[in-house]
Amino acid sequence: MTPAQLREFCLAFNGAVEEFPFTPQTSVFKVLGKVFALSALDAEPLKVNLKCEPELAVRLRAEHAAIAPGYHMNKRHWNTVTAGGPDGLPDRMVRELVEDSYDLVVAGLPRAERLRLDRP
């Protein structure tokens, strides 16, 4: 997965925006003000921090060398996923993990805000 593909995929979700609150090189993808993905898109290999259910996070780390505890994040709820380079996860799996992260964040929003996402 390329940085452009990751950015395009993240921004395709309802209500998703890209912000740069930390540095101009660190893309933070949010939905209604809540982070669901964070990446230095110019890094090699490409890595992205993604929210994950705690039990699944532990299992994924044990099964995949390309998944580690979230760098500079709450390691119980976040994974750092290597998406690029020869040791990165397949694109399909990265997309699934990004979508899971987005869904987890949306599920934690108040009902009224979730309903706003469904409206055109």
PDB file of N, CA and C in Angstrom:
ATOM      1  N   MET A   1       0.848  -1.180   0.000  1.00  0.00           N
ATOM      2  CA  MET A   1       0.000   0.000   0.000  1.00  0.00           C
ATOM      3  C   MET A   1       0.891   1.239   0.000  1.00  0.00           C
ATOM      4  N   THR A   2       0.540   2.179  -0.826  1.00  0.00           N
ATOM      5  CA  THR A   2       1.304   3.412  -0.899  1.00  0.00           C
ATOM      6  C   THR A   2       0.705   4.435   0.059  1.00  0.00           C
ATOM      7  N   PRO A   3       1.456   5.477   0.398  1.00  0.00           N
ATOM      8  CA  PRO A   3       0.900   6.539   1.226  1.00  0.00           C
ATOM      9  C   PRO A   3      -0.351   7.174   0.601  1.00  0.00           C
ATOM     10  N   ALA A   4      -0.337   7.374  -0.701  1.00  0.00           N
ATOM     11  CA  ALA A   4      -1.498   7.964  -1.375  1.00  0.00           C
ATOM     12  C   ALA A   4      -2.715   7.056  -1.258  1.00  0.00           C
ATOM     13  N   GLN A   5      -2.513   5.754  -1.380  1.00  0.00           N
ATOM     14  CA  GLN A   5      -3.623   4.809  -1.250  1.00  0.00           C
ATOM     15  C   GLN A   5      -4.175   4.810   0.174  1.00  0.00           C
ATOM     16  N   LEU A   6      -3.282   4.870   1.160  1.00  0.00           N
ATOM     17  CA  LEU A   6      -3.724   4.905   2.552  1.00  0.00           C
ATOM     18  C   LEU A   6      -4.539   6.170   2.812  1.00  0.00           C
ATOM     19  N   ARG A   7      -4.042   7.312   2.376  1.00  0.00           N
ATOM     20  CA  ARG A   7      -4.756   8.582   2.554  1.00  0.00           C
ATOM     21  C   ARG A   7      -6.129   8.525   1.882  1.00  0.00           C
ATOM     22  N   GLU A   8      -6.171   8.085   0.647  1.00  0.00           N
ATOM     23  CA  GLU A   8      -7.429   8.011  -0.094  1.00  0.00           C
ATOM     24  C   GLU A   8      -8.421   7.078   0.612  1.00  0.00           C
ATOM     25  N   PHE A   9      -7.940   5.938   1.087  1.00  0.00           N
ATOM     26  CA  PHE A   9      -8.820   4.988   1.762  1.00  0.00           C
ATOM     27  C   PHE A   9      -9.380   5.588   3.049  1.00  0.00           C
ATOM     28  N   CYS A  10      -8.519   6.205   3.850  1.00  0.00           N
ATOM     29  CA  CYS A  10      -8.970   6.803   5.116  1.00  0.00           C
ATOM     30  C   CYS A  10      -9.992   7.910   4.887  1.00  0.00           C
ATOM     31  N   LEU A  11      -9.774   8.720   3.873  1.00  0.00           N
ATOM     32  CA  LEU A  11     -10.666   9.853   3.614  1.00  0.00           C
ATOM     33  C   LEU A  11     -11.984   9.444   2.948  1.00  0.00           C
ATOM     34  N   ALA A  12     -12.083   8.184   2.507  1.00  0.00           N
ATOM     35  CA  ALA A  12     -13.303   7.716   1.853  1.00  0.00           C
ATOM     36  C   ALA A  12     -14.426   7.421   2.849  1.00  0.00           C
ATOM     37  N   PHE A  13     -14.111   7.333   4.129  1.00  0.00           N
ATOM     38  CA  PHE A  13     -15.130   7.042   5.129  1.00  0.00           C
ATOM     39  C   PHE A  13     -15.992   8.277   5.394  1.00  0.00           C
ATOM     40  N   ASN A  14     -17.268   8.060   5.718  1.00  0.00           N
ATOM     41  CA  ASN A  14     -18.181   9.161   6.037  1.00  0.00           C
ATOM     42  C   ASN A  14     -17.620  10.013   7.166  1.00  0.00           C
ATOM     43  N   GLY A  15     -17.555  11.316   6.950  1.00  0.00           N
ATOM     44  CA  GLY A  15     -17.134  12.251   7.981  1.00  0.00           C
ATOM     45  C   GLY A  15     -15.640  12.293   8.248  1.00  0.00           C
ATOM     46  N   ALA A  16     -14.844  11.545   7.497  1.00  0.00           N
ATOM     47  CA  ALA A  16     -13.402  11.492   7.737  1.00  0.00           C
ATOM     48  C   ALA A  16     -12.707  12.752   7.229  1.00  0.00           C
ATOM     49  N   VAL A  17     -11.759  13.235   8.034  1.00  0.00           N
ATOM     50  CA  VAL A  17     -10.934  14.380   7.660  1.00  0.00           C
ATOM     51  C   VAL A  17      -9.488  14.080   8.020  1.00  0.00           C
ATOM     52  N   GLU A  18      -8.589  14.806   7.379  1.00  0.00           N
ATOM     53  CA  GLU A  18      -7.165  14.690   7.669  1.00  0.00           C
ATOM     54  C   GLU A  18      -6.716  15.998   8.312  1.00  0.00           C
ATOM     55  N   GLU A  19      -6.020  15.861   9.436  1.00  0.00           N
ATOM     56  CA  GLU A  19      -5.485  17.026  10.130  1.00  0.00           C
ATOM     57  C   GLU A  19      -4.012  16.793  10.450  1.00  0.00           C
ATOM     58  N   PHE A  20      -3.335  17.867  10.839  1.00  0.00           N
ATOM     59  CA  PHE A  20      -1.906  17.808  11.145  1.00  0.00           C
ATOM     60  C   PHE A  20      -1.632  18.494  12.487  1.00  0.00           C
ATOM     61  N   PRO A  21      -2.165  17.959  13.601  1.00  0.00           N
ATOM     62  CA  PRO A  21      -2.009  18.633  14.889  1.00  0.00           C
ATOM     63  C   PRO A  21      -0.618  18.510  15.508  1.00  0.00           C
ATOM     64  N   PHE A  22       0.182  17.558  15.060  1.00  0.00           N
ATOM     65  CA  PHE A  22       1.488  17.319  15.681  1.00  0.00           C
ATOM     66  C   PHE A  22       2.628  17.915  14.861  1.00  0.00           C
ATOM     67  N   THR A  23       2.768  17.446  13.632  1.00  0.00           N
ATOM     68  CA  THR A  23       3.786  17.963  12.714  1.00  0.00           C
ATOM     69  C   THR A  23       3.189  17.960  11.309  1.00  0.00           C
ATOM     70  N   PRO A  24       3.772  18.720  10.391  1.00  0.00           N
ATOM     71  CA  PRO A  24       3.265  18.705   9.013  1.00  0.00           C
ATOM     72  C   PRO A  24       3.428  17.344   8.332  1.00  0.00           C
ATOM     73  N   GLN A  25       4.276  16.477   8.883  1.00  0.00           N
ATOM     74  CA  GLN A  25       4.518  15.164   8.283  1.00  0.00           C
ATOM     75  C   GLN A  25       3.599  14.075   8.840  1.00  0.00           C
ATOM     76  N   THR A  26       2.893  14.362   9.934  1.00  0.00           N
ATOM     77  CA  THR A  26       2.074  13.345  10.582  1.00  0.00           C
ATOM     78  C   THR A  26       0.595  13.575  10.272  1.00  0.00           C
ATOM     79  N   SER A  27       0.042  12.689   9.444  1.00  0.00           N
ATOM     80  CA  SER A  27      -1.375  12.771   9.084  1.00  0.00           C
ATOM     81  C   SER A  27      -2.198  12.101  10.168  1.00  0.00           C
ATOM     82  N   VAL A  28      -3.198  12.808  10.646  1.00  0.00           N
ATOM     83  CA  VAL A  28      -4.117  12.279  11.648  1.00  0.00           C
ATOM     84  C   VAL A  28      -5.502  12.258  11.007  1.00  0.00           C
ATOM     85  N   PHE A  29      -6.049  11.066  10.879  1.00  0.00           N
ATOM     86  CA  PHE A  29      -7.364  10.911  10.256  1.00  0.00           C
ATOM     87  C   PHE A  29      -8.397  10.783  11.371  1.00  0.00           C
ATOM     88  N   LYS A  30      -9.428  11.639  11.285  1.00  0.00           N
ATOM     89  CA  LYS A  30     -10.430  11.707  12.337  1.00  0.00           C
ATOM     90  C   LYS A  30     -11.831  11.588  11.744  1.00  0.00           C
ATOM     91  N   VAL A  31     -12.737  11.155  12.618  1.00  0.00           N
ATOM     92  CA  VAL A  31     -14.151  11.192  12.303  1.00  0.00           C
ATOM     93  C   VAL A  31     -14.824  11.927  13.460  1.00  0.00           C
ATOM     94  N   LEU A  32     -15.481  13.031  13.140  1.00  0.00           N
ATOM     95  CA  LEU A  32     -16.138  13.886  14.130  1.00  0.00           C
ATOM     96  C   LEU A  32     -15.233  14.175  15.320  1.00  0.00           C
ATOM     97  N   GLY A  33     -13.976  14.513  15.016  1.00  0.00           N
ATOM     98  CA  GLY A  33     -13.021  14.927  16.035  1.00  0.00           C
ATOM     99  C   GLY A  33     -12.294  13.815  16.754  1.00  0.00           C
ATOM    100  N   LYS A  34     -12.598  12.564  16.446  1.00  0.00           N
ATOM    101  CA  LYS A  34     -11.957  11.417  17.108  1.00  0.00           C
ATOM    102  C   LYS A  34     -11.013  10.709  16.136  1.00  0.00           C
ATOM    103  N   VAL A  35      -9.794  10.420  16.607  1.00  0.00           N
ATOM    104  CA  VAL A  35      -8.755   9.802  15.774  1.00  0.00           C
ATOM    105  C   VAL A  35      -9.076   8.334  15.512  1.00  0.00           C
ATOM    106  N   PHE A  36      -8.943   7.917  14.241  1.00  0.00           N
ATOM    107  CA  PHE A  36      -9.035   6.497  13.922  1.00  0.00           C
ATOM    108  C   PHE A  36      -7.786   5.977  13.212  1.00  0.00           C
ATOM    109  N   ALA A  37      -6.927   6.875  12.720  1.00  0.00           N
ATOM    110  CA  ALA A  37      -5.672   6.464  12.083  1.00  0.00           C
ATOM    111  C   ALA A  37      -4.675   7.608  12.169  1.00  0.00           C
ATOM    112  N   LEU A  38      -3.416   7.240  12.304  1.00  0.00           N
ATOM    113  CA  LEU A  38      -2.344   8.219  12.451  1.00  0.00           C
ATOM    114  C   LEU A  38      -1.119   7.663  11.731  1.00  0.00           C
ATOM    115  N   SER A  39      -0.516   8.459  10.848  1.00  0.00           N
ATOM    116  CA  SER A  39       0.612   7.949  10.073  1.00  0.00           C
ATOM    117  C   SER A  39       1.532   9.071   9.609  1.00  0.00           C
ATOM    118  N   ALA A  40       2.822   8.771   9.608  1.00  0.00           N
ATOM    119  CA  ALA A  40       3.795   9.627   8.930  1.00  0.00           C
ATOM    120  C   ALA A  40       3.854   9.088   7.502  1.00  0.00           C
ATOM    121  N   LEU A  41       3.094   9.700   6.614  1.00  0.00           N
ATOM    122  CA  LEU A  41       2.942   9.153   5.265  1.00  0.00           C
ATOM    123  C   LEU A  41       4.226   9.175   4.453  1.00  0.00           C
ATOM    124  N   ASP A  42       5.223   9.931   4.919  1.00  0.00           N
ATOM    125  CA  ASP A  42       6.489   9.962   4.187  1.00  0.00           C
ATOM    126  C   ASP A  42       7.507   8.956   4.737  1.00  0.00           C
ATOM    127  N   ALA A  43       7.122   8.179   5.744  1.00  0.00           N
ATOM    128  CA  ALA A  43       8.045   7.212   6.362  1.00  0.00           C
ATOM    129  C   ALA A  43       8.218   5.982   5.472  1.00  0.00           C
ATOM    130  N   GLU A  44       9.373   5.379   5.593  1.00  0.00           N
ATOM    131  CA  GLU A  44       9.659   4.150   4.849  1.00  0.00           C
ATOM    132  C   GLU A  44      10.216   3.134   5.825  1.00  0.00           C
ATOM    133  N   PRO A  45       9.558   2.017   6.086  1.00  0.00           N
ATOM    134  CA  PRO A  45       8.295   1.612   5.470  1.00  0.00           C
ATOM    135  C   PRO A  45       7.115   2.392   6.047  1.00  0.00           C
ATOM    136  N   LEU A  46       6.031   2.354   5.314  1.00  0.00           N
ATOM    137  CA  LEU A  46       4.807   3.033   5.734  1.00  0.00           C
ATOM    138  C   LEU A  46       4.213   2.310   6.936  1.00  0.00           C
ATOM    139  N   LYS A  47       3.936   3.075   7.996  1.00  0.00           N
ATOM    140  CA  LYS A  47       3.300   2.522   9.195  1.00  0.00           C
ATOM    141  C   LYS A  47       2.104   3.380   9.545  1.00  0.00           C
ATOM    142  N   VAL A  48       1.114   2.747  10.183  1.00  0.00           N
ATOM    143  CA  VAL A  48      -0.087   3.473  10.584  1.00  0.00           C
ATOM    144  C   VAL A  48      -0.546   2.950  11.943  1.00  0.00           C
ATOM    145  N   ASN A  49      -0.898   3.875  12.830  1.00  0.00           N
ATOM    146  CA  ASN A  49      -1.463   3.510  14.129  1.00  0.00           C
ATOM    147  C   ASN A  49      -2.970   3.396  13.957  1.00  0.00           C
ATOM    148  N   LEU A  50      -3.516   2.270  14.448  1.00  0.00           N
ATOM    149  CA  LEU A  50      -4.943   2.004  14.304  1.00  0.00           C
ATOM    150  C   LEU A  50      -5.538   1.512  15.608  1.00  0.00           C
ATOM    151  N   LYS A  51      -6.739   1.945  15.895  1.00  0.00           N
ATOM    152  CA  LYS A  51      -7.448   1.496  17.091  1.00  0.00           C
ATOM    153  C   LYS A  51      -7.873   0.040  16.877  1.00  0.00           C
ATOM    154  N   CYS A  52      -7.898  -0.727  17.989  1.00  0.00           N
ATOM    155  CA  CYS A  52      -8.231  -2.138  17.886  1.00  0.00           C
ATOM    156  C   CYS A  52      -8.821  -2.607  19.211  1.00  0.00           C
ATOM    157  N   GLU A  53      -9.738  -3.553  19.161  1.00  0.00           N
ATOM    158  CA  GLU A  53     -10.254  -4.148  20.387  1.00  0.00           C
ATOM    159  C   GLU A  53      -9.086  -4.801  21.119  1.00  0.00           C
ATOM    160  N   PRO A  54      -8.976  -4.629  22.431  1.00  0.00           N
ATOM    161  CA  PRO A  54      -7.805  -5.102  23.173  1.00  0.00           C
ATOM    162  C   PRO A  54      -7.453  -6.575  22.975  1.00  0.00           C
ATOM    163  N   GLU A  55      -8.433  -7.468  23.030  1.00  0.00           N
ATOM    164  CA  GLU A  55      -8.140  -8.894  22.874  1.00  0.00           C
ATOM    165  C   GLU A  55      -7.640  -9.210  21.462  1.00  0.00           C
ATOM    166  N   LEU A  56      -8.261  -8.593  20.482  1.00  0.00           N
ATOM    167  CA  LEU A  56      -7.843  -8.790  19.098  1.00  0.00           C
ATOM    168  C   LEU A  56      -6.460  -8.200  18.868  1.00  0.00           C
ATOM    169  N   ALA A  57      -6.179  -7.063  19.485  1.00  0.00           N
ATOM    170  CA  ALA A  57      -4.869  -6.428  19.333  1.00  0.00           C
ATOM    171  C   ALA A  57      -3.753  -7.373  19.768  1.00  0.00           C
ATOM    172  N   VAL A  58      -3.930  -8.007  20.911  1.00  0.00           N
ATOM    173  CA  VAL A  58      -2.920  -8.941  21.424  1.00  0.00           C
ATOM    174  C   VAL A  58      -2.757 -10.120  20.472  1.00  0.00           C
ATOM    175  N   ARG A  59      -3.878 -10.656  19.998  1.00  0.00           N
ATOM    176  CA  ARG A  59      -3.810 -11.806  19.084  1.00  0.00           C
ATOM    177  C   ARG A  59      -3.110 -11.442  17.765  1.00  0.00           C
ATOM    178  N   LEU A  60      -3.451 -10.283  17.216  1.00  0.00           N
ATOM    179  CA  LEU A  60      -2.832  -9.865  15.950  1.00  0.00           C
ATOM    180  C   LEU A  60      -1.321  -9.675  16.104  1.00  0.00           C
ATOM    181  N   ARG A  61      -0.906  -9.110  17.224  1.00  0.00           N
ATOM    182  CA  ARG A  61       0.531  -8.921  17.462  1.00  0.00           C
ATOM    183  C   ARG A  61       1.259 -10.252  17.527  1.00  0.00           C
ATOM    184  N   ALA A  62       0.618 -11.255  18.106  1.00  0.00           N
ATOM    185  CA  ALA A  62       1.238 -12.578  18.214  1.00  0.00           C
ATOM    186  C   ALA A  62       1.316 -13.277  16.858  1.00  0.00           C
ATOM    187  N   GLU A  63       0.360 -12.993  15.984  1.00  0.00           N
ATOM    188  CA  GLU A  63       0.279 -13.671  14.689  1.00  0.00           C
ATOM    189  C   GLU A  63       1.057 -12.991  13.570  1.00  0.00           C
ATOM    190  N   HIS A  64       1.332 -11.681  13.713  1.00  0.00           N
ATOM    191  CA  HIS A  64       1.941 -10.931  12.606  1.00  0.00           C
ATOM    192  C   HIS A  64       3.095 -10.070  13.100  1.00  0.00           C
ATOM    193  N   ALA A  65       4.261 -10.295  12.554  1.00  0.00           N
ATOM    194  CA  ALA A  65       5.429  -9.493  12.925  1.00  0.00           C
ATOM    195  C   ALA A  65       5.259  -8.026  12.517  1.00  0.00           C
ATOM    196  N   ALA A  66       4.383  -7.763  11.559  1.00  0.00           N
ATOM    197  CA  ALA A  66       4.161  -6.400  11.060  1.00  0.00           C
ATOM    198  C   ALA A  66       3.173  -5.614  11.929  1.00  0.00           C
ATOM    199  N   ILE A  67       2.731  -6.197  13.031  1.00  0.00           N
ATOM    200  CA  ILE A  67       1.811  -5.505  13.942  1.00  0.00           C
ATOM    201  C   ILE A  67       2.455  -5.462  15.319  1.00  0.00           C
ATOM    202  N   ALA A  68       2.576  -4.244  15.855  1.00  0.00           N
ATOM    203  CA  ALA A  68       3.222  -4.027  17.150  1.00  0.00           C
ATOM    204  C   ALA A  68       2.306  -3.160  18.021  1.00  0.00           C
ATOM    205  N   PRO A  69       2.581  -3.097  19.320  1.00  0.00           N
ATOM    206  CA  PRO A  69       1.808  -2.175  20.169  1.00  0.00           C
ATOM    207  C   PRO A  69       1.911  -0.750  19.629  1.00  0.00           C
ATOM    208  N   GLY A  70       0.850   0.012  19.771  1.00  0.00           N
ATOM    209  CA  GLY A  70       0.786   1.366  19.213  1.00  0.00           C
ATOM    210  C   GLY A  70       1.898   2.271  19.707  1.00  0.00           C
ATOM    211  N   TYR A  71       2.672   2.797  18.780  1.00  0.00           N
ATOM    212  CA  TYR A  71       3.776   3.700  19.079  1.00  0.00           C
ATOM    213  C   TYR A  71       3.217   5.027  19.573  1.00  0.00           C
ATOM    214  N   HIS A  72       3.620   5.444  20.758  1.00  0.00           N
ATOM    215  CA  HIS A  72       3.154   6.688  21.389  1.00  0.00           C
ATOM    216  C   HIS A  72       1.642   6.711  21.594  1.00  0.00           C
ATOM    217  N   MET A  73       1.038   5.538  21.753  1.00  0.00           N
ATOM    218  CA  MET A  73      -0.409   5.446  21.940  1.00  0.00           C
ATOM    219  C   MET A  73      -0.686   4.519  23.125  1.00  0.00           C
ATOM    220  N   ASN A  74      -1.934   4.445  23.552  1.00  0.00           N
ATOM    221  CA  ASN A  74      -2.344   3.490  24.574  1.00  0.00           C
ATOM    222  C   ASN A  74      -2.212   2.101  23.964  1.00  0.00           C
ATOM    223  N   LYS A  75      -1.243   1.348  24.431  1.00  0.00           N
ATOM    224  CA  LYS A  75      -0.906   0.069  23.812  1.00  0.00           C
ATOM    225  C   LYS A  75      -1.986  -0.993  23.989  1.00  0.00           C
ATOM    226  N   ARG A  76      -2.895  -0.771  24.894  1.00  0.00           N
ATOM    227  CA  ARG A  76      -4.005  -1.711  25.061  1.00  0.00           C
ATOM    228  C   ARG A  76      -5.008  -1.570  23.908  1.00  0.00           C
ATOM    229  N   HIS A  77      -5.163  -0.358  23.393  1.00  0.00           N
ATOM    230  CA  HIS A  77      -6.194  -0.090  22.394  1.00  0.00           C
ATOM    231  C   HIS A  77      -5.671   0.240  20.996  1.00  0.00           C
ATOM    232  N   TRP A  78      -4.359   0.362  20.831  1.00  0.00           N
ATOM    233  CA  TRP A  78      -3.815   0.790  19.542  1.00  0.00           C
ATOM    234  C   TRP A  78      -2.684  -0.133  19.094  1.00  0.00           C
ATOM    235  N   ASN A  79      -2.654  -0.389  17.792  1.00  0.00           N
ATOM    236  CA  ASN A  79      -1.566  -1.140  17.157  1.00  0.00           C
ATOM    237  C   ASN A  79      -0.877  -0.247  16.140  1.00  0.00           C
ATOM    238  N   THR A  80       0.414  -0.483  15.962  1.00  0.00           N
ATOM    239  CA  THR A  80       1.136   0.119  14.847  1.00  0.00           C
ATOM    240  C   THR A  80       1.294  -0.974  13.794  1.00  0.00           C
ATOM    241  N   VAL A  81       0.782  -0.707  12.611  1.00  0.00           N
ATOM    242  CA  VAL A  81       0.750  -1.675  11.524  1.00  0.00           C
ATOM    243  C   VAL A  81       1.713  -1.231  10.433  1.00  0.00           C
ATOM    244  N   THR A  82       2.628  -2.115  10.053  1.00  0.00           N
ATOM    245  CA  THR A  82       3.515  -1.828   8.922  1.00  0.00           C
ATOM    246  C   THR A  82       2.752  -2.182   7.657  1.00  0.00           C
ATOM    247  N   ALA A  83       2.527  -1.161   6.836  1.00  0.00           N
ATOM    248  CA  ALA A  83       1.705  -1.329   5.639  1.00  0.00           C
ATOM    249  C   ALA A  83       2.537  -1.382   4.365  1.00  0.00           C
ATOM    250  N   GLY A  84       3.759  -0.908   4.425  1.00  0.00           N
ATOM    251  CA  GLY A  84       4.583  -0.879   3.226  1.00  0.00           C
ATOM    252  C   GLY A  84       5.844  -1.689   3.380  1.00  0.00           C
ATOM    253  N   GLY A  85       6.573  -1.789   2.303  1.00  0.00           N
ATOM    254  CA  GLY A  85       7.838  -2.515   2.338  1.00  0.00           C
ATOM    255  C   GLY A  85       7.634  -4.017   2.234  1.00  0.00           C
ATOM    256  N   PRO A  86       8.733  -4.745   2.158  1.00  0.00           N
ATOM    257  CA  PRO A  86       8.640  -6.198   1.968  1.00  0.00           C
ATOM    258  C   PRO A  86       8.077  -6.943   3.183  1.00  0.00           C
ATOM    259  N   ASP A  87       8.166  -6.343   4.361  1.00  0.00           N
ATOM    260  CA  ASP A  87       7.688  -7.012   5.569  1.00  0.00           C
ATOM    261  C   ASP A  87       6.300  -6.547   6.003  1.00  0.00           C
ATOM    262  N   GLY A  88       5.674  -5.696   5.207  1.00  0.00           N
ATOM    263  CA  GLY A  88       4.366  -5.151   5.565  1.00  0.00           C
ATOM    264  C   GLY A  88       3.239  -6.133   5.325  1.00  0.00           C
ATOM    265  N   LEU A  89       2.099  -5.828   5.911  1.00  0.00           N
ATOM    266  CA  LEU A  89       0.903  -6.651   5.730  1.00  0.00           C
ATOM    267  C   LEU A  89       0.346  -6.475   4.319  1.00  0.00           C
ATOM    268  N   PRO A  90      -0.385  -7.461   3.837  1.00  0.00           N
ATOM    269  CA  PRO A  90      -1.050  -7.313   2.534  1.00  0.00           C
ATOM    270  C   PRO A  90      -2.049  -6.151   2.581  1.00  0.00           C
ATOM    271  N   ASP A  91      -2.216  -5.489   1.450  1.00  0.00           N
ATOM    272  CA  ASP A  91      -3.109  -4.323   1.370  1.00  0.00           C
ATOM    273  C   ASP A  91      -4.506  -4.642   1.885  1.00  0.00           C
ATOM    274  N   ARG A  92      -5.021  -5.793   1.533  1.00  0.00           N
ATOM    275  CA  ARG A  92      -6.378  -6.167   1.939  1.00  0.00           C
ATOM    276  C   ARG A  92      -6.511  -6.167   3.457  1.00  0.00           C
ATOM    277  N   MET A  93      -5.523  -6.707   4.145  1.00  0.00           N
ATOM    278  CA  MET A  93      -5.573  -6.769   5.605  1.00  0.00           C
ATOM    279  C   MET A  93      -5.442  -5.367   6.210  1.00  0.00           C
ATOM    280  N   VAL A  94      -4.587  -4.545   5.629  1.00  0.00           N
ATOM    281  CA  VAL A  94      -4.443  -3.165   6.117  1.00  0.00           C
ATOM    282  C   VAL A  94      -5.781  -2.452   5.985  1.00  0.00           C
ATOM    283  N   ARG A  95      -6.449  -2.603   4.846  1.00  0.00           N
ATOM    284  CA  ARG A  95      -7.753  -1.969   4.656  1.00  0.00           C
ATOM    285  C   ARG A  95      -8.764  -2.459   5.697  1.00  0.00           C
ATOM    286  N   GLU A  96      -8.766  -3.748   5.977  1.00  0.00           N
ATOM    287  CA  GLU A  96      -9.681  -4.302   6.983  1.00  0.00           C
ATOM    288  C   GLU A  96      -9.401  -3.704   8.365  1.00  0.00           C
ATOM    289  N   LEU A  97      -8.124  -3.559   8.709  1.00  0.00           N
ATOM    290  CA  LEU A  97      -7.762  -3.013  10.014  1.00  0.00           C
ATOM    291  C   LEU A  97      -8.106  -1.527  10.116  1.00  0.00           C
ATOM    292  N   VAL A  98      -7.935  -0.784   9.025  1.00  0.00           N
ATOM    293  CA  VAL A  98      -8.328   0.633   9.011  1.00  0.00           C
ATOM    294  C   VAL A  98      -9.843   0.737   9.182  1.00  0.00           C
ATOM    295  N   GLU A  99     -10.580  -0.080   8.459  1.00  0.00           N
ATOM    296  CA  GLU A  99     -12.036  -0.057   8.564  1.00  0.00           C
ATOM    297  C   GLU A  99     -12.488  -0.436   9.975  1.00  0.00           C
ATOM    298  N   ASP A 100     -11.860  -1.441  10.571  1.00  0.00           N
ATOM    299  CA  ASP A 100     -12.190  -1.829  11.950  1.00  0.00           C
ATOM    300  C   ASP A 100     -11.937  -0.661  12.915  1.00  0.00           C
ATOM    301  N   SER A 101     -10.823   0.046  12.716  1.00  0.00           N
ATOM    302  CA  SER A 101     -10.493   1.179  13.569  1.00  0.00           C
ATOM    303  C   SER A 101     -11.564   2.264  13.441  1.00  0.00           C
ATOM    304  N   TYR A 102     -11.924   2.591  12.228  1.00  0.00           N
ATOM    305  CA  TYR A 102     -12.969   3.595  11.983  1.00  0.00           C
ATOM    306  C   TYR A 102     -14.278   3.168  12.660  1.00  0.00           C
ATOM    307  N   ASP A 103     -14.656   1.904  12.468  1.00  0.00           N
ATOM    308  CA  ASP A 103     -15.909   1.409  13.044  1.00  0.00           C
ATOM    309  C   ASP A 103     -15.896   1.469  14.572  1.00  0.00           C
ATOM    310  N   LEU A 104     -14.768   1.140  15.195  1.00  0.00           N
ATOM    311  CA  LEU A 104     -14.656   1.210  16.650  1.00  0.00           C
ATOM    312  C   LEU A 104     -14.843   2.641  17.147  1.00  0.00           C
ATOM    313  N   VAL A 105     -14.227   3.580  16.464  1.00  0.00           N
ATOM    314  CA  VAL A 105     -14.342   4.984  16.870  1.00  0.00           C
ATOM    315  C   VAL A 105     -15.775   5.466  16.688  1.00  0.00           C
ATOM    316  N   VAL A 106     -16.385   5.147  15.570  1.00  0.00           N
ATOM    317  CA  VAL A 106     -17.773   5.560  15.322  1.00  0.00           C
ATOM    318  C   VAL A 106     -18.708   4.932  16.359  1.00  0.00           C
ATOM    319  N   ALA A 107     -18.487   3.686  16.700  1.00  0.00           N
ATOM    320  CA  ALA A 107     -19.338   3.004  17.692  1.00  0.00           C
ATOM    321  C   ALA A 107     -19.267   3.692  19.056  1.00  0.00           C
ATOM    322  N   GLY A 108     -18.161   4.354  19.339  1.00  0.00           N
ATOM    323  CA  GLY A 108     -18.003   5.053  20.610  1.00  0.00           C
ATOM    324  C   GLY A 108     -18.573   6.453  20.636  1.00  0.00           C
ATOM    325  N   LEU A 109     -19.045   6.929  19.498  1.00  0.00           N
ATOM    326  CA  LEU A 109     -19.645   8.267  19.427  1.00  0.00           C
ATOM    327  C   LEU A 109     -21.067   8.243  19.972  1.00  0.00           C
ATOM    328  N   PRO A 110     -21.537   9.362  20.481  1.00  0.00           N
ATOM    329  CA  PRO A 110     -22.940   9.436  20.887  1.00  0.00           C
ATOM    330  C   PRO A 110     -23.857   9.149  19.697  1.00  0.00           C
ATOM    331  N   ARG A 111     -25.015   8.587  19.989  1.00  0.00           N
ATOM    332  CA  ARG A 111     -25.961   8.179  18.942  1.00  0.00           C
ATOM    333  C   ARG A 111     -26.276   9.318  17.975  1.00  0.00           C
ATOM    334  N   ALA A 112     -26.499  10.499  18.493  1.00  0.00           N
ATOM    335  CA  ALA A 112     -26.848  11.646  17.633  1.00  0.00           C
ATOM    336  C   ALA A 112     -25.735  11.927  16.630  1.00  0.00           C
ATOM    337  N   GLU A 113     -24.489  11.803  17.059  1.00  0.00           N
ATOM    338  CA  GLU A 113     -23.372  12.033  16.137  1.00  0.00           C
ATOM    339  C   GLU A 113     -23.254  10.905  15.110  1.00  0.00           C
ATOM    340  N   ARG A 114     -23.507   9.667  15.544  1.00  0.00           N
ATOM    341  CA  ARG A 114     -23.479   8.542  14.590  1.00  0.00           C
ATOM    342  C   ARG A 114     -24.526   8.751  13.512  1.00  0.00           C
ATOM    343  N   LEU A 115     -25.709   9.226  13.907  1.00  0.00           N
ATOM    344  CA  LEU A 115     -26.776   9.452  12.940  1.00  0.00           C
ATOM    345  C   LEU A 115     -26.395  10.544  11.935  1.00  0.00           C
ATOM    346  N   ARG A 116     -25.631  11.550  12.381  1.00  0.00           N
ATOM    347  CA  ARG A 116     -25.172  12.614  11.473  1.00  0.00           C
ATOM    348  C   ARG A 116     -24.330  12.041  10.337  1.00  0.00           C
ATOM    349  N   LEU A 117     -23.589  10.969  10.619  1.00  0.00           N
ATOM    350  CA  LEU A 117     -22.731  10.364   9.595  1.00  0.00           C
ATOM    351  C   LEU A 117     -23.538   9.683   8.504  1.00  0.00           C
ATOM    352  N   ASP A 118     -24.732   9.228   8.851  1.00  0.00           N
ATOM    353  CA  ASP A 118     -25.568   8.507   7.881  1.00  0.00           C
ATOM    354  C   ASP A 118     -26.294   9.431   6.916  1.00  0.00           C
ATOM    355  N   ARG A 119     -26.341  10.718   7.252  1.00  0.00           N
ATOM    356  CA  ARG A 119     -27.048  11.663   6.402  1.00  0.00           C
ATOM    357  C   ARG A 119     -26.137  12.189   5.303  1.00  0.00           C
ATOM    358  N   PRO A 120     -26.687  12.384   4.100  1.00  0.00           N
ATOM    359  CA  PRO A 120     -25.876  12.937   3.005  1.00  0.00           C
ATOM    360  C   PRO A 120     -25.543  14.390   3.205  1.00  0.00           C
TER     361      PRO A 120
END
